[in-house]
Amino acid sequence: NIGNNQPENLLEFVDTLQQELIRAG
């Protein structure tokens, strides 16, 4: 297996994504 060994909730993942998209402009 090659995985991060730390599953993330999809809602939290999407929230982090939109924060970084705002940060990047």
PDB file of all heavy atoms in Angstrom:
ATOM      1  N   ASN A   1       0.852  -1.185   0.000  1.00  0.00           N
ATOM      2  CA  ASN A   1       0.000   0.000   0.000  1.00  0.00           C
ATOM      3  C   ASN A   1       0.885   1.231   0.000  1.00  0.00           C
ATOM      4  O   ASN A   1       1.898   1.274   0.710  1.00  0.00           O
ATOM      5  CB  ASN A   1      -0.847   0.064   1.278  1.00  0.00           C
ATOM      6  CG  ASN A   1      -1.954  -0.962   1.332  1.00  0.00           C
ATOM      7  OD1 ASN A   1      -2.479  -1.378   0.299  1.00  0.00           O
ATOM      8  ND2 ASN A   1      -2.332  -1.377   2.538  1.00  0.00           N
ATOM      9  N   ILE A   2       0.516   2.241  -0.791  1.00  0.00           N
ATOM     10  CA  ILE A   2       1.147   3.557  -0.635  1.00  0.00           C
ATOM     11  C   ILE A   2       0.035   4.573  -0.412  1.00  0.00           C
ATOM     12  O   ILE A   2      -0.659   4.989  -1.349  1.00  0.00           O
ATOM     13  CB  ILE A   2       2.017   3.959  -1.851  1.00  0.00           C
ATOM     14  CG1 ILE A   2       3.071   2.885  -2.141  1.00  0.00           C
ATOM     15  CG2 ILE A   2       2.694   5.294  -1.579  1.00  0.00           C
ATOM     16  CD1 ILE A   2       4.097   3.279  -3.178  1.00  0.00           C
ATOM     17  N   GLY A   3      -0.153   4.921   0.847  1.00  0.00           N
ATOM     18  CA  GLY A   3      -1.195   5.872   1.230  1.00  0.00           C
ATOM     19  C   GLY A   3      -0.726   6.711   2.391  1.00  0.00           C
ATOM     20  O   GLY A   3       0.271   6.395   3.048  1.00  0.00           O
ATOM     21  N   ASN A   4      -1.456   7.771   2.674  1.00  0.00           N
ATOM     22  CA  ASN A   4      -1.020   8.731   3.688  1.00  0.00           C
ATOM     23  C   ASN A   4      -1.215   8.216   5.103  1.00  0.00           C
ATOM     24  O   ASN A   4      -0.743   8.837   6.051  1.00  0.00           O
ATOM     25  CB  ASN A   4      -1.757  10.063   3.510  1.00  0.00           C
ATOM     26  CG  ASN A   4      -0.904  11.238   3.911  1.00  0.00           C
ATOM     27  OD1 ASN A   4       0.266  11.325   3.553  1.00  0.00           O
ATOM     28  ND2 ASN A   4      -1.469  12.149   4.692  1.00  0.00           N
ATOM     29  N   ASN A   5      -1.955   7.088   5.266  1.00  0.00           N
ATOM     30  CA  ASN A   5      -2.133   6.477   6.580  1.00  0.00           C
ATOM     31  C   ASN A   5      -2.883   7.415   7.538  1.00  0.00           C
ATOM     32  O   ASN A   5      -2.725   7.354   8.740  1.00  0.00           O
ATOM     33  CB  ASN A   5      -0.740   6.109   7.147  1.00  0.00           C
ATOM     34  CG  ASN A   5      -0.810   5.176   8.344  1.00  0.00           C
ATOM     35  OD1 ASN A   5      -0.154   5.425   9.348  1.00  0.00           O
ATOM     36  ND2 ASN A   5      -1.588   4.120   8.253  1.00  0.00           N
ATOM     37  N   GLN A   6      -3.686   8.330   6.946  1.00  0.00           N
ATOM     38  CA  GLN A   6      -4.416   9.313   7.760  1.00  0.00           C
ATOM     39  C   GLN A   6      -5.613   9.830   6.961  1.00  0.00           C
ATOM     40  O   GLN A   6      -5.552  10.883   6.346  1.00  0.00           O
ATOM     41  CB  GLN A   6      -3.490  10.479   8.121  1.00  0.00           C
ATOM     42  CG  GLN A   6      -4.080  11.456   9.111  1.00  0.00           C
ATOM     43  CD  GLN A   6      -3.094  12.555   9.461  1.00  0.00           C
ATOM     44  OE1 GLN A   6      -1.887  12.328   9.510  1.00  0.00           O
ATOM     45  NE2 GLN A   6      -3.597  13.745   9.679  1.00  0.00           N
ATOM     46  N   PRO A   7      -6.713   9.066   6.936  1.00  0.00           N
ATOM     47  CA  PRO A   7      -7.847   9.472   6.100  1.00  0.00           C
ATOM     48  C   PRO A   7      -8.460  10.797   6.541  1.00  0.00           C
ATOM     49  O   PRO A   7      -8.518  11.101   7.730  1.00  0.00           O
ATOM     50  CB  PRO A   7      -8.842   8.319   6.271  1.00  0.00           C
ATOM     51  CG  PRO A   7      -8.436   7.613   7.502  1.00  0.00           C
ATOM     52  CD  PRO A   7      -6.968   7.823   7.674  1.00  0.00           C
ATOM     53  N   GLU A   8      -8.871  11.585   5.542  1.00  0.00           N
ATOM     54  CA  GLU A   8      -9.458  12.905   5.787  1.00  0.00           C
ATOM     55  C   GLU A   8     -10.923  12.883   5.385  1.00  0.00           C
ATOM     56  O   GLU A   8     -11.293  12.342   4.347  1.00  0.00           O
ATOM     57  CB  GLU A   8      -8.725  13.966   4.949  1.00  0.00           C
ATOM     58  CG  GLU A   8      -7.221  14.027   5.159  1.00  0.00           C
ATOM     59  CD  GLU A   8      -6.815  14.825   6.380  1.00  0.00           C
ATOM     60  OE1 GLU A   8      -7.705  15.460   6.991  1.00  0.00           O
ATOM     61  OE2 GLU A   8      -5.611  14.818   6.708  1.00  0.00           O
ATOM     62  N   ASN A   9     -11.755  13.519   6.201  1.00  0.00           N
ATOM     63  CA  ASN A   9     -13.161  13.688   5.862  1.00  0.00           C
ATOM     64  C   ASN A   9     -13.291  14.567   4.627  1.00  0.00           C
ATOM     65  O   ASN A   9     -12.612  15.593   4.514  1.00  0.00           O
ATOM     66  CB  ASN A   9     -13.894  14.310   7.050  1.00  0.00           C
ATOM     67  CG  ASN A   9     -15.370  14.484   6.787  1.00  0.00           C
ATOM     68  OD1 ASN A   9     -15.773  15.444   6.138  1.00  0.00           O
ATOM     69  ND2 ASN A   9     -16.178  13.572   7.285  1.00  0.00           N
ATOM     70  N   LEU A  10     -14.149  14.175   3.688  1.00  0.00           N
ATOM     71  CA  LEU A  10     -14.250  14.879   2.411  1.00  0.00           C
ATOM     72  C   LEU A  10     -14.665  16.344   2.594  1.00  0.00           C
ATOM     73  O   LEU A  10     -14.156  17.237   1.908  1.00  0.00           O
ATOM     74  CB  LEU A  10     -15.238  14.153   1.493  1.00  0.00           C
ATOM     75  CG  LEU A  10     -15.240  14.565   0.019  1.00  0.00           C
ATOM     76  CD1 LEU A  10     -13.844  14.486  -0.585  1.00  0.00           C
ATOM     77  CD2 LEU A  10     -16.196  13.677  -0.771  1.00  0.00           C
ATOM     78  N   LEU A  11     -15.570  16.606   3.534  1.00  0.00           N
ATOM     79  CA  LEU A  11     -15.995  17.996   3.774  1.00  0.00           C
ATOM     80  C   LEU A  11     -14.826  18.848   4.267  1.00  0.00           C
ATOM     81  O   LEU A  11     -14.651  19.989   3.826  1.00  0.00           O
ATOM     82  CB  LEU A  11     -17.125  18.036   4.808  1.00  0.00           C
ATOM     83  CG  LEU A  11     -18.556  17.982   4.279  1.00  0.00           C
ATOM     84  CD1 LEU A  11     -19.542  17.993   5.439  1.00  0.00           C
ATOM     85  CD2 LEU A  11     -18.846  19.144   3.330  1.00  0.00           C
ATOM     86  N   GLU A  12     -14.019  18.303   5.158  1.00  0.00           N
ATOM     87  CA  GLU A  12     -12.855  19.047   5.665  1.00  0.00           C
ATOM     88  C   GLU A  12     -11.820  19.242   4.563  1.00  0.00           C
ATOM     89  O   GLU A  12     -11.178  20.295   4.470  1.00  0.00           O
ATOM     90  CB  GLU A  12     -12.240  18.304   6.855  1.00  0.00           C
ATOM     91  CG  GLU A  12     -13.139  18.304   8.085  1.00  0.00           C
ATOM     92  CD  GLU A  12     -12.623  17.401   9.194  1.00  0.00           C
ATOM     93  OE1 GLU A  12     -11.444  16.979   9.131  1.00  0.00           O
ATOM     94  OE2 GLU A  12     -13.405  17.110  10.116  1.00  0.00           O
ATOM     95  N   PHE A  13     -11.663  18.220   3.719  1.00  0.00           N
ATOM     96  CA  PHE A  13     -10.740  18.319   2.587  1.00  0.00           C
ATOM     97  C   PHE A  13     -11.156  19.467   1.671  1.00  0.00           C
ATOM     98  O   PHE A  13     -10.328  20.301   1.273  1.00  0.00           O
ATOM     99  CB  PHE A  13     -10.756  16.990   1.812  1.00  0.00           C
ATOM    100  CG  PHE A  13      -9.948  16.999   0.540  1.00  0.00           C
ATOM    101  CD1 PHE A  13      -8.600  16.738   0.563  1.00  0.00           C
ATOM    102  CD2 PHE A  13     -10.554  17.258  -0.693  1.00  0.00           C
ATOM    103  CE1 PHE A  13      -7.845  16.730  -0.611  1.00  0.00           C
ATOM    104  CE2 PHE A  13      -9.810  17.258  -1.864  1.00  0.00           C
ATOM    105  CZ  PHE A  13      -8.459  16.990  -1.821  1.00  0.00           C
ATOM    106  N   VAL A  14     -12.449  19.534   1.343  1.00  0.00           N
ATOM    107  CA  VAL A  14     -12.949  20.565   0.434  1.00  0.00           C
ATOM    108  C   VAL A  14     -12.821  21.949   1.073  1.00  0.00           C
ATOM    109  O   VAL A  14     -12.511  22.941   0.396  1.00  0.00           O
ATOM    110  CB  VAL A  14     -14.406  20.265   0.016  1.00  0.00           C
ATOM    111  CG1 VAL A  14     -14.983  21.411  -0.797  1.00  0.00           C
ATOM    112  CG2 VAL A  14     -14.468  18.978  -0.789  1.00  0.00           C
ATOM    113  N   ASP A  15     -13.037  22.026   2.381  1.00  0.00           N
ATOM    114  CA  ASP A  15     -12.898  23.300   3.080  1.00  0.00           C
ATOM    115  C   ASP A  15     -11.450  23.795   3.021  1.00  0.00           C
ATOM    116  O   ASP A  15     -11.187  24.978   2.747  1.00  0.00           O
ATOM    117  CB  ASP A  15     -13.351  23.144   4.533  1.00  0.00           C
ATOM    118  CG  ASP A  15     -13.375  24.480   5.266  1.00  0.00           C
ATOM    119  OD1 ASP A  15     -13.976  25.437   4.734  1.00  0.00           O
ATOM    120  OD2 ASP A  15     -12.779  24.569   6.366  1.00  0.00           O
ATOM    121  N   THR A  16     -10.491  22.880   3.244  1.00  0.00           N
ATOM    122  CA  THR A  16      -9.067  23.242   3.146  1.00  0.00           C
ATOM    123  C   THR A  16      -8.720  23.660   1.723  1.00  0.00           C
ATOM    124  O   THR A  16      -7.980  24.628   1.507  1.00  0.00           O
ATOM    125  CB  THR A  16      -8.178  22.059   3.583  1.00  0.00           C
ATOM    126  OG1 THR A  16      -8.552  21.640   4.887  1.00  0.00           O
ATOM    127  CG2 THR A  16      -6.704  22.441   3.576  1.00  0.00           C
ATOM    128  N   LEU A  17      -9.270  22.939   0.746  1.00  0.00           N
ATOM    129  CA  LEU A  17      -9.023  23.271  -0.657  1.00  0.00           C
ATOM    130  C   LEU A  17      -9.480  24.686  -0.973  1.00  0.00           C
ATOM    131  O   LEU A  17      -8.727  25.475  -1.563  1.00  0.00           O
ATOM    132  CB  LEU A  17      -9.747  22.269  -1.569  1.00  0.00           C
ATOM    133  CG  LEU A  17      -9.732  22.577  -3.074  1.00  0.00           C
ATOM    134  CD1 LEU A  17      -8.305  22.549  -3.626  1.00  0.00           C
ATOM    135  CD2 LEU A  17     -10.623  21.588  -3.842  1.00  0.00           C
ATOM    136  N   GLN A  18     -10.705  25.058  -0.569  1.00  0.00           N
ATOM    137  CA  GLN A  18     -11.197  26.399  -0.920  1.00  0.00           C
ATOM    138  C   GLN A  18     -10.387  27.478  -0.193  1.00  0.00           C
ATOM    139  O   GLN A  18     -10.139  28.547  -0.745  1.00  0.00           O
ATOM    140  CB  GLN A  18     -12.701  26.517  -0.667  1.00  0.00           C
ATOM    141  CG  GLN A  18     -13.172  26.362   0.759  1.00  0.00           C
ATOM    142  CD  GLN A  18     -13.436  27.688   1.455  1.00  0.00           C
ATOM    143  OE1 GLN A  18     -13.493  28.711   0.796  1.00  0.00           O
ATOM    144  NE2 GLN A  18     -13.578  27.650   2.767  1.00  0.00           N
ATOM    145  N   GLN A  19      -9.914  27.201   1.020  1.00  0.00           N
ATOM    146  CA  GLN A  19      -9.049  28.166   1.710  1.00  0.00           C
ATOM    147  C   GLN A  19      -7.764  28.410   0.924  1.00  0.00           C
ATOM    148  O   GLN A  19      -7.304  29.552   0.781  1.00  0.00           O
ATOM    149  CB  GLN A  19      -8.709  27.653   3.116  1.00  0.00           C
ATOM    150  CG  GLN A  19      -9.863  27.656   4.101  1.00  0.00           C
ATOM    151  CD  GLN A  19      -9.496  26.941   5.392  1.00  0.00           C
ATOM    152  OE1 GLN A  19      -8.319  26.901   5.787  1.00  0.00           O
ATOM    153  NE2 GLN A  19     -10.475  26.354   6.058  1.00  0.00           N
ATOM    154  N   GLU A  20      -7.179  27.317   0.411  1.00  0.00           N
ATOM    155  CA  GLU A  20      -5.921  27.451  -0.336  1.00  0.00           C
ATOM    156  C   GLU A  20      -6.146  28.083  -1.708  1.00  0.00           C
ATOM    157  O   GLU A  20      -5.266  28.772  -2.234  1.00  0.00           O
ATOM    158  CB  GLU A  20      -5.226  26.096  -0.447  1.00  0.00           C
ATOM    159  CG  GLU A  20      -4.701  25.565   0.877  1.00  0.00           C
ATOM    160  CD  GLU A  20      -3.765  26.536   1.581  1.00  0.00           C
ATOM    161  OE1 GLU A  20      -2.983  27.238   0.895  1.00  0.00           O
ATOM    162  OE2 GLU A  20      -3.817  26.624   2.824  1.00  0.00           O
ATOM    163  N   LEU A  21      -7.310  27.840  -2.310  1.00  0.00           N
ATOM    164  CA  LEU A  21      -7.630  28.490  -3.591  1.00  0.00           C
ATOM    165  C   LEU A  21      -7.792  29.996  -3.402  1.00  0.00           C
ATOM    166  O   LEU A  21      -7.390  30.790  -4.263  1.00  0.00           O
ATOM    167  CB  LEU A  21      -8.901  27.878  -4.190  1.00  0.00           C
ATOM    168  CG  LEU A  21      -8.773  26.426  -4.672  1.00  0.00           C
ATOM    169  CD1 LEU A  21     -10.140  25.870  -5.059  1.00  0.00           C
ATOM    170  CD2 LEU A  21      -7.794  26.301  -5.836  1.00  0.00           C
ATOM    171  N   ILE A  22      -8.364  30.398  -2.274  1.00  0.00           N
ATOM    172  CA  ILE A  22      -8.477  31.833  -1.967  1.00  0.00           C
ATOM    173  C   ILE A  22      -7.089  32.416  -1.711  1.00  0.00           C
ATOM    174  O   ILE A  22      -6.744  33.481  -2.233  1.00  0.00           O
ATOM    175  CB  ILE A  22      -9.410  32.042  -0.753  1.00  0.00           C
ATOM    176  CG1 ILE A  22     -10.864  31.737  -1.147  1.00  0.00           C
ATOM    177  CG2 ILE A  22      -9.288  33.471  -0.214  1.00  0.00           C
ATOM    178  CD1 ILE A  22     -11.833  31.685   0.016  1.00  0.00           C
ATOM    179  N   ARG A  23      -6.287  31.712  -0.945  1.00  0.00           N
ATOM    180  CA  ARG A  23      -4.929  32.167  -0.627  1.00  0.00           C
ATOM    181  C   ARG A  23      -4.092  32.369  -1.903  1.00  0.00           C
ATOM    182  O   ARG A  23      -3.314  33.324  -2.006  1.00  0.00           O
ATOM    183  CB  ARG A  23      -4.261  31.137   0.297  1.00  0.00           C
ATOM    184  CG  ARG A  23      -2.828  31.454   0.667  1.00  0.00           C
ATOM    185  CD  ARG A  23      -2.183  30.262   1.375  1.00  0.00           C
ATOM    186  NE  ARG A  23      -0.753  30.476   1.564  1.00  0.00           N
ATOM    187  CZ  ARG A  23      -0.193  30.937   2.669  1.00  0.00           C
ATOM    188  NH1 ARG A  23      -0.940  31.238   3.706  1.00  0.00           N
ATOM    189  NH2 ARG A  23       1.113  31.095   2.749  1.00  0.00           N
ATOM    190  N   ALA A  24      -4.270  31.452  -2.875  1.00  0.00           N
ATOM    191  CA  ALA A  24      -3.490  31.523  -4.117  1.00  0.00           C
ATOM    192  C   ALA A  24      -4.055  32.540  -5.110  1.00  0.00           C
ATOM    193  O   ALA A  24      -3.450  32.789  -6.156  1.00  0.00           O
ATOM    194  CB  ALA A  24      -3.434  30.142  -4.769  1.00  0.00           C
ATOM    195  N   GLY A  25      -5.221  33.078  -4.814  1.00  0.00           N
ATOM    196  CA  GLY A  25      -5.832  34.045  -5.722  1.00  0.00           C
ATOM    197  C   GLY A  25      -6.628  33.399  -6.838  1.00  0.00           C
ATOM    198  O   GLY A  25      -6.991  34.062  -7.817  1.00  0.00           O
TER     199      GLY A  25
END
